[in-house]
N, C-alpha and C. Protein backbone atom coordinates (compact mmCIF):
# COMPACT_ATOMS: atom_id res chain seq x y z
N GLU A 1 25.65 -24.53 4.71
CA GLU A 1 24.71 -23.46 4.36
C GLU A 1 23.61 -23.99 3.43
N ALA A 2 24.01 -24.74 2.41
CA ALA A 2 23.04 -25.28 1.46
C ALA A 2 22.09 -26.24 2.15
N VAL A 3 22.60 -26.95 3.17
CA VAL A 3 21.78 -27.91 3.90
C VAL A 3 20.65 -27.21 4.64
N MET A 4 20.95 -26.01 5.15
CA MET A 4 19.97 -25.27 5.93
C MET A 4 19.01 -24.43 5.09
N ARG A 5 19.32 -24.27 3.80
CA ARG A 5 18.52 -23.37 2.97
C ARG A 5 17.07 -23.83 2.85
N GLN A 6 16.85 -25.12 2.59
CA GLN A 6 15.48 -25.60 2.42
C GLN A 6 14.65 -25.49 3.70
N PRO A 7 15.16 -25.96 4.86
CA PRO A 7 14.34 -25.81 6.08
C PRO A 7 14.13 -24.34 6.45
N ASN A 8 15.11 -23.49 6.19
CA ASN A 8 14.93 -22.06 6.48
C ASN A 8 13.89 -21.43 5.55
N THR A 9 13.86 -21.92 4.31
CA THR A 9 12.85 -21.40 3.37
C THR A 9 11.45 -21.80 3.82
N ILE A 10 11.31 -23.04 4.26
CA ILE A 10 10.01 -23.49 4.78
C ILE A 10 9.62 -22.66 6.00
N LEU A 11 10.59 -22.44 6.90
CA LEU A 11 10.32 -21.65 8.11
C LEU A 11 9.94 -20.21 7.74
N LEU A 12 10.62 -19.66 6.75
CA LEU A 12 10.33 -18.30 6.31
C LEU A 12 8.88 -18.18 5.85
N ARG A 13 8.45 -19.12 5.04
CA ARG A 13 7.07 -19.06 4.54
C ARG A 13 6.06 -19.23 5.67
N GLN A 14 6.38 -20.08 6.63
CA GLN A 14 5.49 -20.25 7.77
C GLN A 14 5.39 -18.95 8.58
N LYS A 15 6.52 -18.32 8.78
CA LYS A 15 6.54 -17.09 9.57
C LYS A 15 5.84 -15.94 8.84
N LEU A 16 5.95 -15.91 7.52
CA LEU A 16 5.23 -14.88 6.77
C LEU A 16 3.72 -15.03 6.94
N THR A 17 3.26 -16.27 6.89
CA THR A 17 1.83 -16.53 7.12
C THR A 17 1.43 -16.13 8.54
N GLU A 18 2.31 -16.46 9.50
CA GLU A 18 2.03 -16.10 10.90
C GLU A 18 1.99 -14.57 11.06
N ALA A 19 2.92 -13.87 10.43
CA ALA A 19 2.97 -12.41 10.54
C ALA A 19 1.70 -11.78 9.99
N GLN A 20 1.24 -12.27 8.87
CA GLN A 20 0.00 -11.74 8.28
C GLN A 20 -1.19 -11.97 9.21
N SER A 21 -1.24 -13.13 9.80
CA SER A 21 -2.33 -13.46 10.71
C SER A 21 -2.30 -12.56 11.95
N VAL A 22 -1.12 -12.37 12.51
CA VAL A 22 -0.96 -11.52 13.69
C VAL A 22 -1.33 -10.08 13.35
N GLU A 23 -0.91 -9.61 12.18
CA GLU A 23 -1.23 -8.24 11.76
C GLU A 23 -2.73 -8.06 11.59
N GLN A 24 -3.39 -9.05 11.01
CA GLN A 24 -4.84 -8.97 10.81
C GLN A 24 -5.60 -8.93 12.13
N ARG A 25 -5.00 -9.50 13.18
CA ARG A 25 -5.63 -9.46 14.50
C ARG A 25 -5.42 -8.11 15.19
N GLY A 26 -4.64 -7.25 14.57
CA GLY A 26 -4.41 -5.92 15.13
C GLY A 26 -3.19 -5.82 16.01
N ASP A 27 -2.38 -6.87 16.09
CA ASP A 27 -1.17 -6.84 16.91
C ASP A 27 0.00 -6.38 16.03
N THR A 28 0.10 -5.08 15.84
CA THR A 28 1.12 -4.53 14.94
C THR A 28 2.52 -4.74 15.49
N VAL A 29 2.68 -4.59 16.79
CA VAL A 29 4.00 -4.79 17.40
C VAL A 29 4.46 -6.23 17.18
N GLY A 30 3.57 -7.19 17.46
CA GLY A 30 3.93 -8.59 17.26
C GLY A 30 4.23 -8.91 15.81
N ALA A 31 3.43 -8.36 14.91
CA ALA A 31 3.65 -8.60 13.48
C ALA A 31 4.99 -8.03 13.04
N ALA A 32 5.34 -6.85 13.52
CA ALA A 32 6.62 -6.23 13.14
C ALA A 32 7.78 -7.11 13.58
N LYS A 33 7.68 -7.68 14.76
CA LYS A 33 8.75 -8.55 15.26
C LYS A 33 8.90 -9.79 14.37
N ILE A 34 7.79 -10.36 13.96
CA ILE A 34 7.86 -11.56 13.12
C ILE A 34 8.38 -11.21 11.73
N TYR A 35 7.94 -10.06 11.19
CA TYR A 35 8.48 -9.65 9.89
C TYR A 35 9.99 -9.43 9.97
N GLN A 36 10.46 -8.91 11.10
CA GLN A 36 11.91 -8.74 11.27
C GLN A 36 12.61 -10.10 11.27
N GLU A 37 12.00 -11.08 11.93
CA GLU A 37 12.56 -12.44 11.91
C GLU A 37 12.60 -12.98 10.49
N CYS A 38 11.57 -12.66 9.71
CA CYS A 38 11.53 -13.10 8.31
C CYS A 38 12.67 -12.47 7.52
N CYS A 39 12.92 -11.20 7.76
CA CYS A 39 14.01 -10.52 7.06
C CYS A 39 15.36 -11.13 7.44
N ASP A 40 15.50 -11.50 8.70
CA ASP A 40 16.74 -12.15 9.14
C ASP A 40 16.92 -13.51 8.44
N LEU A 41 15.81 -14.23 8.28
CA LEU A 41 15.88 -15.52 7.59
C LEU A 41 16.24 -15.34 6.11
N VAL A 42 15.71 -14.30 5.51
CA VAL A 42 16.05 -14.02 4.11
C VAL A 42 17.56 -13.82 3.96
N GLU A 43 18.16 -13.11 4.91
CA GLU A 43 19.61 -12.89 4.86
C GLU A 43 20.37 -14.21 4.97
N LYS A 44 19.87 -15.10 5.80
CA LYS A 44 20.53 -16.41 5.96
C LYS A 44 20.38 -17.28 4.72
N ILE A 45 19.21 -17.22 4.10
CA ILE A 45 18.94 -18.08 2.94
C ILE A 45 19.72 -17.62 1.72
N GLY A 46 19.74 -16.30 1.52
CA GLY A 46 20.45 -15.76 0.35
C GLY A 46 19.53 -15.69 -0.86
N SER A 47 19.90 -16.38 -1.93
CA SER A 47 19.15 -16.29 -3.19
C SER A 47 17.98 -17.26 -3.22
N GLY A 48 17.08 -17.01 -4.20
CA GLY A 48 16.00 -17.95 -4.45
C GLY A 48 14.70 -17.67 -3.71
N VAL A 49 14.67 -16.58 -2.94
CA VAL A 49 13.44 -16.27 -2.20
C VAL A 49 13.06 -14.80 -2.43
N ASP A 50 13.12 -14.39 -3.68
CA ASP A 50 12.86 -12.98 -4.00
C ASP A 50 11.46 -12.54 -3.59
N ALA A 51 10.46 -13.36 -3.89
CA ALA A 51 9.07 -13.00 -3.56
C ALA A 51 8.90 -12.91 -2.05
N GLU A 52 9.44 -13.88 -1.34
CA GLU A 52 9.32 -13.88 0.11
C GLU A 52 10.10 -12.69 0.72
N SER A 53 11.23 -12.38 0.12
CA SER A 53 12.02 -11.25 0.60
C SER A 53 11.23 -9.94 0.48
N ALA A 54 10.61 -9.74 -0.67
CA ALA A 54 9.81 -8.53 -0.88
C ALA A 54 8.65 -8.47 0.10
N GLN A 55 8.01 -9.61 0.32
CA GLN A 55 6.87 -9.65 1.23
C GLN A 55 7.31 -9.32 2.66
N ALA A 56 8.45 -9.86 3.05
CA ALA A 56 8.95 -9.61 4.41
C ALA A 56 9.33 -8.14 4.59
N LYS A 57 10.03 -7.58 3.61
CA LYS A 57 10.47 -6.18 3.72
C LYS A 57 9.28 -5.22 3.69
N ASN A 58 8.33 -5.49 2.81
CA ASN A 58 7.14 -4.63 2.75
C ASN A 58 6.32 -4.73 4.03
N GLY A 59 6.19 -5.95 4.54
CA GLY A 59 5.45 -6.14 5.79
C GLY A 59 6.11 -5.41 6.95
N LEU A 60 7.43 -5.49 7.01
CA LEU A 60 8.15 -4.82 8.09
C LEU A 60 8.01 -3.31 7.97
N ALA A 61 8.16 -2.80 6.75
CA ALA A 61 8.03 -1.35 6.55
C ALA A 61 6.63 -0.88 6.90
N ASN A 62 5.62 -1.59 6.44
CA ASN A 62 4.23 -1.17 6.68
C ASN A 62 3.88 -1.20 8.17
N THR A 63 4.31 -2.23 8.87
CA THR A 63 4.00 -2.30 10.30
C THR A 63 4.75 -1.22 11.07
N ARG A 64 5.97 -0.92 10.68
CA ARG A 64 6.70 0.15 11.36
C ARG A 64 6.09 1.52 11.08
N LEU A 65 5.59 1.72 9.87
CA LEU A 65 4.89 2.96 9.56
C LEU A 65 3.63 3.09 10.41
N THR A 66 2.92 1.99 10.59
CA THR A 66 1.73 1.99 11.44
C THR A 66 2.08 2.32 12.87
N LEU A 67 3.19 1.76 13.36
CA LEU A 67 3.64 2.04 14.73
C LEU A 67 4.04 3.51 14.88
N ALA A 68 4.66 4.06 13.84
CA ALA A 68 5.05 5.47 13.88
C ALA A 68 3.81 6.37 13.94
N ARG A 69 2.80 6.04 13.16
CA ARG A 69 1.56 6.83 13.19
C ARG A 69 0.93 6.77 14.58
N ALA A 70 0.91 5.58 15.16
CA ALA A 70 0.31 5.42 16.50
C ALA A 70 1.08 6.23 17.53
N ALA A 71 2.40 6.23 17.44
CA ALA A 71 3.21 7.00 18.38
C ALA A 71 2.94 8.49 18.22
N HIS A 72 2.83 8.94 16.98
CA HIS A 72 2.56 10.36 16.72
C HIS A 72 1.19 10.75 17.28
N GLU A 73 0.20 9.90 17.10
CA GLU A 73 -1.16 10.21 17.55
C GLU A 73 -1.26 10.29 19.07
N ARG A 74 -0.42 9.56 19.77
CA ARG A 74 -0.46 9.66 21.23
C ARG A 74 0.53 10.69 21.78
N GLY A 75 1.11 11.47 20.86
CA GLY A 75 1.97 12.57 21.27
C GLY A 75 3.43 12.22 21.46
N ALA A 76 3.81 10.99 21.13
CA ALA A 76 5.20 10.56 21.29
C ALA A 76 5.97 10.80 19.99
N SER A 77 6.19 12.08 19.67
CA SER A 77 6.81 12.44 18.39
C SER A 77 8.22 11.90 18.25
N ASP A 78 8.98 11.94 19.34
CA ASP A 78 10.36 11.44 19.28
C ASP A 78 10.37 9.95 18.96
N ARG A 79 9.47 9.22 19.59
CA ARG A 79 9.38 7.78 19.34
C ARG A 79 8.97 7.52 17.90
N ALA A 80 8.04 8.32 17.39
CA ALA A 80 7.61 8.17 16.00
C ALA A 80 8.79 8.35 15.06
N GLY A 81 9.62 9.35 15.33
CA GLY A 81 10.81 9.59 14.50
C GLY A 81 11.79 8.44 14.57
N GLU A 82 11.96 7.88 15.77
CA GLU A 82 12.87 6.74 15.93
C GLU A 82 12.40 5.54 15.12
N VAL A 83 11.10 5.30 15.12
CA VAL A 83 10.56 4.17 14.36
C VAL A 83 10.76 4.41 12.86
N LEU A 84 10.52 5.62 12.41
CA LEU A 84 10.70 5.93 10.99
C LEU A 84 12.15 5.75 10.56
N ASP A 85 13.08 6.02 11.47
CA ASP A 85 14.50 5.85 11.15
C ASP A 85 14.85 4.40 10.86
N THR A 86 14.03 3.46 11.34
CA THR A 86 14.33 2.04 11.15
C THR A 86 13.75 1.48 9.86
N VAL A 87 12.95 2.28 9.16
CA VAL A 87 12.33 1.80 7.91
C VAL A 87 13.38 1.74 6.82
N ASP A 88 13.48 0.59 6.15
CA ASP A 88 14.53 0.42 5.15
C ASP A 88 14.09 0.97 3.80
N ALA A 89 14.89 0.72 2.78
CA ALA A 89 14.67 1.31 1.45
C ALA A 89 13.31 0.97 0.86
N SER A 90 12.76 -0.20 1.21
CA SER A 90 11.49 -0.60 0.62
C SER A 90 10.35 0.31 1.05
N GLY A 91 10.52 1.00 2.17
CA GLY A 91 9.45 1.87 2.65
C GLY A 91 9.88 3.30 2.85
N VAL A 92 11.04 3.68 2.28
CA VAL A 92 11.59 4.99 2.59
C VAL A 92 10.72 6.12 2.05
N ARG A 93 10.09 5.95 0.89
CA ARG A 93 9.25 7.02 0.35
C ARG A 93 8.05 7.26 1.25
N ALA A 94 7.44 6.18 1.71
CA ALA A 94 6.31 6.33 2.62
C ALA A 94 6.76 6.93 3.94
N ALA A 95 7.95 6.54 4.41
CA ALA A 95 8.47 7.09 5.66
C ALA A 95 8.74 8.58 5.53
N ASP A 96 9.31 9.00 4.40
CA ASP A 96 9.55 10.42 4.17
C ASP A 96 8.25 11.21 4.19
N ALA A 97 7.24 10.67 3.53
CA ALA A 97 5.94 11.35 3.49
C ALA A 97 5.33 11.43 4.89
N LEU A 98 5.44 10.36 5.63
CA LEU A 98 4.86 10.35 6.97
C LEU A 98 5.61 11.32 7.89
N ARG A 99 6.93 11.35 7.76
CA ARG A 99 7.73 12.29 8.56
C ARG A 99 7.32 13.74 8.24
N ALA A 100 7.13 14.03 6.95
CA ALA A 100 6.71 15.37 6.55
C ALA A 100 5.31 15.68 7.09
N HIS A 101 4.44 14.69 7.04
CA HIS A 101 3.09 14.87 7.58
C HIS A 101 3.14 15.22 9.06
N PHE A 102 4.00 14.53 9.81
CA PHE A 102 4.13 14.80 11.24
C PHE A 102 4.63 16.23 11.46
N LEU A 103 5.60 16.66 10.67
CA LEU A 103 6.15 18.00 10.82
C LEU A 103 5.09 19.06 10.53
N ILE A 104 4.32 18.87 9.47
CA ILE A 104 3.26 19.83 9.13
C ILE A 104 2.22 19.87 10.24
N ASP A 105 1.88 18.71 10.79
CA ASP A 105 0.92 18.65 11.90
C ASP A 105 1.40 19.47 13.10
N ARG A 106 2.72 19.53 13.29
CA ARG A 106 3.27 20.25 14.43
C ARG A 106 3.62 21.69 14.10
N GLY A 107 3.12 22.17 12.95
CA GLY A 107 3.36 23.56 12.57
C GLY A 107 4.76 23.83 12.08
N ARG A 108 5.43 22.80 11.58
CA ARG A 108 6.82 22.96 11.12
C ARG A 108 6.90 22.67 9.62
N ALA A 109 6.07 23.42 8.87
CA ALA A 109 5.99 23.20 7.42
C ALA A 109 7.32 23.48 6.72
N ALA A 110 8.07 24.45 7.22
CA ALA A 110 9.36 24.78 6.60
C ALA A 110 10.31 23.59 6.67
N GLU A 111 10.31 22.88 7.79
CA GLU A 111 11.16 21.69 7.93
C GLU A 111 10.68 20.58 7.01
N ALA A 112 9.37 20.43 6.91
CA ALA A 112 8.82 19.43 5.99
C ALA A 112 9.23 19.74 4.56
N PHE A 113 9.18 21.00 4.20
CA PHE A 113 9.56 21.41 2.85
C PHE A 113 11.03 21.10 2.57
N GLU A 114 11.89 21.42 3.54
CA GLU A 114 13.32 21.14 3.37
C GLU A 114 13.60 19.64 3.29
N LEU A 115 12.80 18.85 3.99
CA LEU A 115 12.95 17.39 3.93
C LEU A 115 12.59 16.86 2.56
N LEU A 116 11.49 17.36 2.00
CA LEU A 116 10.96 16.81 0.75
C LEU A 116 11.60 17.40 -0.50
N LYS A 117 12.14 18.61 -0.41
CA LYS A 117 12.66 19.29 -1.59
C LYS A 117 13.74 18.50 -2.33
N PRO A 118 14.77 17.97 -1.64
CA PRO A 118 15.77 17.18 -2.38
C PRO A 118 15.21 15.88 -2.94
N LYS A 119 14.23 15.31 -2.26
CA LYS A 119 13.58 14.09 -2.77
C LYS A 119 12.82 14.40 -4.06
N ALA A 120 12.20 15.58 -4.10
CA ALA A 120 11.48 15.98 -5.31
C ALA A 120 12.46 16.19 -6.46
N ALA A 121 13.60 16.80 -6.17
CA ALA A 121 14.59 17.04 -7.21
C ALA A 121 15.10 15.73 -7.81
N ALA A 122 15.12 14.68 -6.99
CA ALA A 122 15.55 13.36 -7.46
C ALA A 122 14.38 12.51 -7.94
N ASN A 123 13.19 13.10 -7.99
CA ASN A 123 11.97 12.38 -8.38
C ASN A 123 11.78 11.13 -7.52
N ALA A 124 12.00 11.30 -6.22
CA ALA A 124 11.96 10.16 -5.31
C ALA A 124 10.87 10.33 -4.25
N LEU A 125 9.74 10.88 -4.65
CA LEU A 125 8.62 11.04 -3.73
C LEU A 125 7.47 10.12 -4.12
N SER A 126 6.76 9.66 -3.13
CA SER A 126 5.51 8.94 -3.37
C SER A 126 4.44 9.96 -3.74
N PRO A 127 3.31 9.51 -4.28
CA PRO A 127 2.22 10.46 -4.55
C PRO A 127 1.84 11.28 -3.32
N ARG A 128 1.79 10.63 -2.17
CA ARG A 128 1.50 11.35 -0.93
C ARG A 128 2.59 12.39 -0.65
N GLY A 129 3.84 12.04 -0.97
CA GLY A 129 4.94 12.97 -0.78
C GLY A 129 4.80 14.21 -1.63
N TRP A 130 4.39 14.03 -2.90
CA TRP A 130 4.18 15.19 -3.78
C TRP A 130 3.07 16.08 -3.24
N ARG A 131 2.00 15.49 -2.74
CA ARG A 131 0.90 16.29 -2.19
C ARG A 131 1.38 17.07 -0.96
N LEU A 132 2.13 16.42 -0.11
CA LEU A 132 2.64 17.10 1.09
C LEU A 132 3.66 18.18 0.73
N LEU A 133 4.44 17.94 -0.30
CA LEU A 133 5.38 18.97 -0.76
C LEU A 133 4.62 20.22 -1.18
N ILE A 134 3.54 20.04 -1.89
CA ILE A 134 2.73 21.18 -2.32
C ILE A 134 2.17 21.92 -1.10
N ASP A 135 1.65 21.17 -0.14
CA ASP A 135 1.11 21.80 1.06
C ASP A 135 2.19 22.58 1.81
N ALA A 136 3.37 21.96 1.95
CA ALA A 136 4.46 22.61 2.67
C ALA A 136 4.97 23.83 1.91
N ALA A 137 5.05 23.71 0.59
CA ALA A 137 5.51 24.84 -0.22
C ALA A 137 4.56 26.02 -0.11
N LEU A 138 3.27 25.76 -0.14
CA LEU A 138 2.29 26.83 0.00
C LEU A 138 2.37 27.46 1.38
N ALA A 139 2.57 26.64 2.40
CA ALA A 139 2.65 27.16 3.77
C ALA A 139 3.87 28.05 3.97
N THR A 140 4.93 27.78 3.22
CA THR A 140 6.15 28.57 3.36
C THR A 140 6.24 29.68 2.31
N GLY A 141 5.25 29.77 1.44
CA GLY A 141 5.23 30.84 0.45
C GLY A 141 5.99 30.56 -0.83
N ASP A 142 6.45 29.32 -1.02
CA ASP A 142 7.18 28.98 -2.25
C ASP A 142 6.18 28.43 -3.27
N THR A 143 5.45 29.34 -3.89
CA THR A 143 4.44 28.91 -4.84
C THR A 143 5.04 28.33 -6.11
N ARG A 144 6.26 28.73 -6.45
CA ARG A 144 6.93 28.16 -7.62
C ARG A 144 7.13 26.66 -7.45
N ALA A 145 7.58 26.26 -6.26
CA ALA A 145 7.79 24.84 -5.99
C ALA A 145 6.46 24.09 -6.02
N ALA A 146 5.42 24.72 -5.51
CA ALA A 146 4.09 24.09 -5.54
C ALA A 146 3.62 23.88 -6.97
N LEU A 147 3.79 24.90 -7.81
CA LEU A 147 3.41 24.78 -9.21
C LEU A 147 4.22 23.68 -9.91
N ASP A 148 5.51 23.63 -9.64
CA ASP A 148 6.38 22.65 -10.30
C ASP A 148 6.02 21.22 -9.90
N ALA A 149 5.46 21.05 -8.70
CA ALA A 149 5.12 19.70 -8.22
C ALA A 149 3.80 19.18 -8.78
N LEU A 150 2.97 20.06 -9.30
CA LEU A 150 1.66 19.63 -9.78
C LEU A 150 1.71 18.58 -10.88
N PRO A 151 2.58 18.72 -11.92
CA PRO A 151 2.59 17.70 -12.98
C PRO A 151 2.94 16.31 -12.46
N ALA A 152 3.91 16.22 -11.53
CA ALA A 152 4.29 14.91 -11.00
C ALA A 152 3.14 14.29 -10.24
N LEU A 153 2.43 15.09 -9.46
CA LEU A 153 1.28 14.58 -8.73
C LEU A 153 0.19 14.14 -9.70
N ALA A 154 -0.02 14.91 -10.75
CA ALA A 154 -1.05 14.56 -11.74
C ALA A 154 -0.70 13.24 -12.43
N ARG A 155 0.59 13.03 -12.75
CA ARG A 155 1.00 11.79 -13.42
C ARG A 155 0.76 10.56 -12.55
N SER A 156 0.80 10.75 -11.24
CA SER A 156 0.59 9.61 -10.34
C SER A 156 -0.86 9.13 -10.35
N GLN A 157 -1.78 10.00 -10.80
CA GLN A 157 -3.21 9.68 -10.85
C GLN A 157 -3.72 9.19 -9.49
N SER A 158 -3.16 9.74 -8.43
CA SER A 158 -3.55 9.33 -7.08
C SER A 158 -4.76 10.10 -6.57
N LEU A 159 -5.09 11.22 -7.23
CA LEU A 159 -6.24 12.02 -6.84
C LEU A 159 -7.34 11.88 -7.88
N THR A 160 -8.56 12.09 -7.46
CA THR A 160 -9.64 12.13 -8.44
C THR A 160 -9.46 13.38 -9.29
N PRO A 161 -10.00 13.38 -10.52
CA PRO A 161 -9.87 14.59 -11.35
C PRO A 161 -10.39 15.84 -10.66
N GLU A 162 -11.46 15.71 -9.89
CA GLU A 162 -12.02 16.86 -9.20
C GLU A 162 -11.08 17.38 -8.12
N THR A 163 -10.49 16.46 -7.37
CA THR A 163 -9.56 16.86 -6.31
C THR A 163 -8.29 17.47 -6.90
N GLN A 164 -7.79 16.88 -7.98
CA GLN A 164 -6.62 17.44 -8.65
C GLN A 164 -6.92 18.84 -9.17
N ALA A 165 -8.10 19.02 -9.77
CA ALA A 165 -8.48 20.32 -10.30
C ALA A 165 -8.56 21.37 -9.18
N ALA A 166 -9.15 20.98 -8.06
CA ALA A 166 -9.28 21.91 -6.94
C ALA A 166 -7.91 22.30 -6.39
N LEU A 167 -7.01 21.33 -6.34
CA LEU A 167 -5.66 21.62 -5.85
C LEU A 167 -4.93 22.56 -6.80
N GLU A 168 -5.06 22.31 -8.10
CA GLU A 168 -4.41 23.19 -9.08
C GLU A 168 -4.94 24.62 -8.96
N THR A 169 -6.25 24.74 -8.76
CA THR A 169 -6.84 26.06 -8.59
C THR A 169 -6.27 26.75 -7.36
N ARG A 170 -6.17 26.00 -6.28
CA ARG A 170 -5.63 26.56 -5.04
C ARG A 170 -4.19 27.03 -5.21
N VAL A 171 -3.38 26.20 -5.88
CA VAL A 171 -1.98 26.55 -6.06
C VAL A 171 -1.83 27.77 -6.97
N LEU A 172 -2.57 27.77 -8.06
CA LEU A 172 -2.46 28.89 -8.99
C LEU A 172 -2.95 30.18 -8.34
N ALA A 173 -4.04 30.11 -7.59
CA ALA A 173 -4.55 31.29 -6.91
C ALA A 173 -3.50 31.84 -5.94
N ALA A 174 -2.82 30.94 -5.23
CA ALA A 174 -1.78 31.38 -4.30
C ALA A 174 -0.62 32.03 -5.06
N ALA A 175 -0.24 31.43 -6.18
CA ALA A 175 0.86 31.97 -6.98
C ALA A 175 0.50 33.34 -7.54
N LEU A 176 -0.72 33.48 -8.02
CA LEU A 176 -1.16 34.75 -8.57
C LEU A 176 -1.20 35.84 -7.50
N SER A 177 -1.64 35.46 -6.31
CA SER A 177 -1.76 36.45 -5.24
C SER A 177 -0.40 36.96 -4.77
N MET A 178 0.65 36.17 -5.01
CA MET A 178 1.98 36.56 -4.56
C MET A 178 2.86 37.11 -5.68
N ALA A 179 2.35 37.12 -6.91
CA ALA A 179 3.14 37.63 -8.02
C ALA A 179 3.39 39.12 -7.82
N PRO A 180 4.60 39.63 -8.09
CA PRO A 180 4.97 40.98 -7.70
C PRO A 180 4.42 42.10 -8.57
N GLU A 181 4.03 41.81 -9.80
CA GLU A 181 3.61 42.90 -10.67
C GLU A 181 2.68 42.36 -11.75
N ALA A 182 1.99 43.28 -12.43
CA ALA A 182 0.98 42.87 -13.40
C ALA A 182 1.56 42.04 -14.53
N SER A 183 2.74 42.41 -15.03
CA SER A 183 3.33 41.65 -16.14
C SER A 183 3.66 40.24 -15.70
N ARG A 184 4.15 40.09 -14.47
CA ARG A 184 4.47 38.77 -13.93
C ARG A 184 3.18 37.96 -13.74
N LEU A 185 2.12 38.64 -13.27
CA LEU A 185 0.83 37.96 -13.14
C LEU A 185 0.37 37.39 -14.47
N ASN A 186 0.47 38.22 -15.51
CA ASN A 186 0.01 37.78 -16.82
C ASN A 186 0.81 36.60 -17.33
N ASP A 187 2.15 36.66 -17.16
CA ASP A 187 3.01 35.55 -17.60
C ASP A 187 2.67 34.27 -16.85
N LEU A 188 2.51 34.39 -15.54
CA LEU A 188 2.21 33.22 -14.72
C LEU A 188 0.86 32.63 -15.09
N TRP A 189 -0.11 33.50 -15.28
CA TRP A 189 -1.47 33.06 -15.63
C TRP A 189 -1.48 32.31 -16.96
N ASN A 190 -0.88 32.91 -17.97
CA ASN A 190 -0.89 32.29 -19.29
C ASN A 190 -0.06 31.02 -19.31
N GLY A 191 1.10 31.02 -18.67
CA GLY A 191 1.93 29.82 -18.62
C GLY A 191 1.25 28.69 -17.91
N ALA A 192 0.59 28.98 -16.81
CA ALA A 192 -0.11 27.93 -16.06
C ALA A 192 -1.26 27.35 -16.87
N SER A 193 -1.94 28.17 -17.62
CA SER A 193 -3.08 27.66 -18.38
C SER A 193 -2.64 26.68 -19.45
N ARG A 194 -1.49 26.92 -20.06
CA ARG A 194 -0.99 25.99 -21.08
C ARG A 194 -0.47 24.72 -20.47
N ALA A 195 0.24 24.84 -19.36
CA ALA A 195 0.93 23.68 -18.81
C ALA A 195 0.05 22.79 -17.96
N GLN A 196 -0.99 23.35 -17.37
CA GLN A 196 -1.70 22.61 -16.35
C GLN A 196 -3.13 22.24 -16.71
N ARG A 197 -3.62 22.66 -17.87
CA ARG A 197 -4.98 22.28 -18.20
C ARG A 197 -5.18 22.24 -19.70
N PRO A 198 -6.11 21.43 -20.19
CA PRO A 198 -6.38 21.37 -21.62
C PRO A 198 -7.10 22.63 -22.09
N PRO A 199 -6.98 22.96 -23.38
CA PRO A 199 -7.68 24.13 -23.91
C PRO A 199 -9.17 24.05 -23.63
N GLY A 200 -9.77 25.20 -23.29
CA GLY A 200 -11.20 25.26 -23.07
C GLY A 200 -11.65 24.93 -21.67
N ASP A 201 -10.74 24.41 -20.83
CA ASP A 201 -11.11 24.08 -19.46
C ASP A 201 -11.12 25.37 -18.64
N GLN A 202 -12.24 25.68 -18.01
CA GLN A 202 -12.38 26.94 -17.29
C GLN A 202 -12.28 26.78 -15.78
N ARG A 203 -11.77 25.66 -15.31
CA ARG A 203 -11.84 25.43 -13.88
C ARG A 203 -10.99 26.41 -13.08
N LEU A 204 -9.96 27.05 -13.71
CA LEU A 204 -9.12 28.00 -13.00
C LEU A 204 -9.58 29.44 -13.18
N GLU A 205 -10.64 29.64 -13.96
CA GLU A 205 -11.01 31.01 -14.32
C GLU A 205 -11.35 31.86 -13.12
N HIS A 206 -11.99 31.26 -12.11
CA HIS A 206 -12.41 32.08 -10.98
C HIS A 206 -11.24 32.56 -10.14
N ALA A 207 -10.04 31.97 -10.37
CA ALA A 207 -8.87 32.40 -9.61
C ALA A 207 -8.21 33.63 -10.22
N ARG A 208 -8.71 34.07 -11.41
CA ARG A 208 -8.09 35.21 -12.09
C ARG A 208 -8.24 36.47 -11.24
N PRO A 209 -7.13 37.16 -10.93
CA PRO A 209 -7.22 38.36 -10.12
C PRO A 209 -8.00 39.45 -10.83
N ALA A 210 -8.58 40.34 -10.05
CA ALA A 210 -9.32 41.46 -10.62
C ALA A 210 -8.39 42.31 -11.46
N GLY A 211 -8.84 42.70 -12.64
CA GLY A 211 -8.03 43.55 -13.50
C GLY A 211 -7.10 42.81 -14.42
N LEU A 212 -6.95 41.48 -14.21
CA LEU A 212 -6.06 40.72 -15.08
C LEU A 212 -6.83 40.29 -16.33
N PRO A 213 -6.26 40.51 -17.52
CA PRO A 213 -6.97 40.13 -18.75
C PRO A 213 -7.27 38.65 -18.78
N ARG A 214 -8.39 38.29 -19.39
CA ARG A 214 -8.72 36.87 -19.56
C ARG A 214 -7.68 36.19 -20.41
N ARG A 215 -7.52 34.88 -20.21
CA ARG A 215 -6.49 34.14 -20.93
C ARG A 215 -6.76 34.11 -22.43
N ASP A 216 -8.03 34.23 -22.81
CA ASP A 216 -8.34 34.07 -24.22
C ASP A 216 -8.22 35.38 -25.00
N ARG A 217 -7.70 36.43 -24.34
CA ARG A 217 -7.52 37.69 -25.03
C ARG A 217 -6.07 37.87 -25.39
N GLY A 218 -5.75 37.66 -26.63
CA GLY A 218 -4.39 37.85 -27.10
C GLY A 218 -3.47 36.70 -26.79
N VAL A 219 -4.01 35.59 -26.30
CA VAL A 219 -3.19 34.45 -25.98
C VAL A 219 -3.65 33.28 -26.82
N HIS A 220 -2.73 32.70 -27.54
CA HIS A 220 -3.08 31.57 -28.42
C HIS A 220 -2.55 30.30 -27.77
N GLU A 221 -3.48 29.45 -27.32
CA GLU A 221 -3.07 28.22 -26.65
C GLU A 221 -3.11 27.05 -27.60
């Protein structure tokens, strides 16, 4: 085994370079096959190739995600799901997000929400996953879950401040519109203003329902 480690390591590095070149040419299927060969070589080599191992696993995950997107776009949803099932731990967050995206595209937001909800509870979502969770939660009427997901998405800094602000406004407006009574509206409004924006920021003001007191009346932030 030790005798084969050095030549296998050399072969691994050569194949990684080949996989990158094939991927850059647009041959995603061919690149995925070579990345799989690289992963197999990593298993044979064992220790001492951590960087190459990460590169091979990330390359395999990324190419399989690309193949899943292509299958979904041509209407082969079952095939897209099969490809996502093969993505290992290095790409599971991206695979979860992509699977949820496919479900939402097919009008199955409730299924997307159920897929992402336990991942959110374990704080195991990518930034894209948090955004999709919010979309799915709003589509299914669970505005509480959408509100709860906003801080995690904000911490990821994956959106521009303007896009984040617009999303917060949309979520809060949806939550306010579904609140059952005036007292609940007031609690939700005041709580959201403290938790989701700095003092003096008026970006959510236009979402205030008619008849609801302004936040600055009797509320000390």
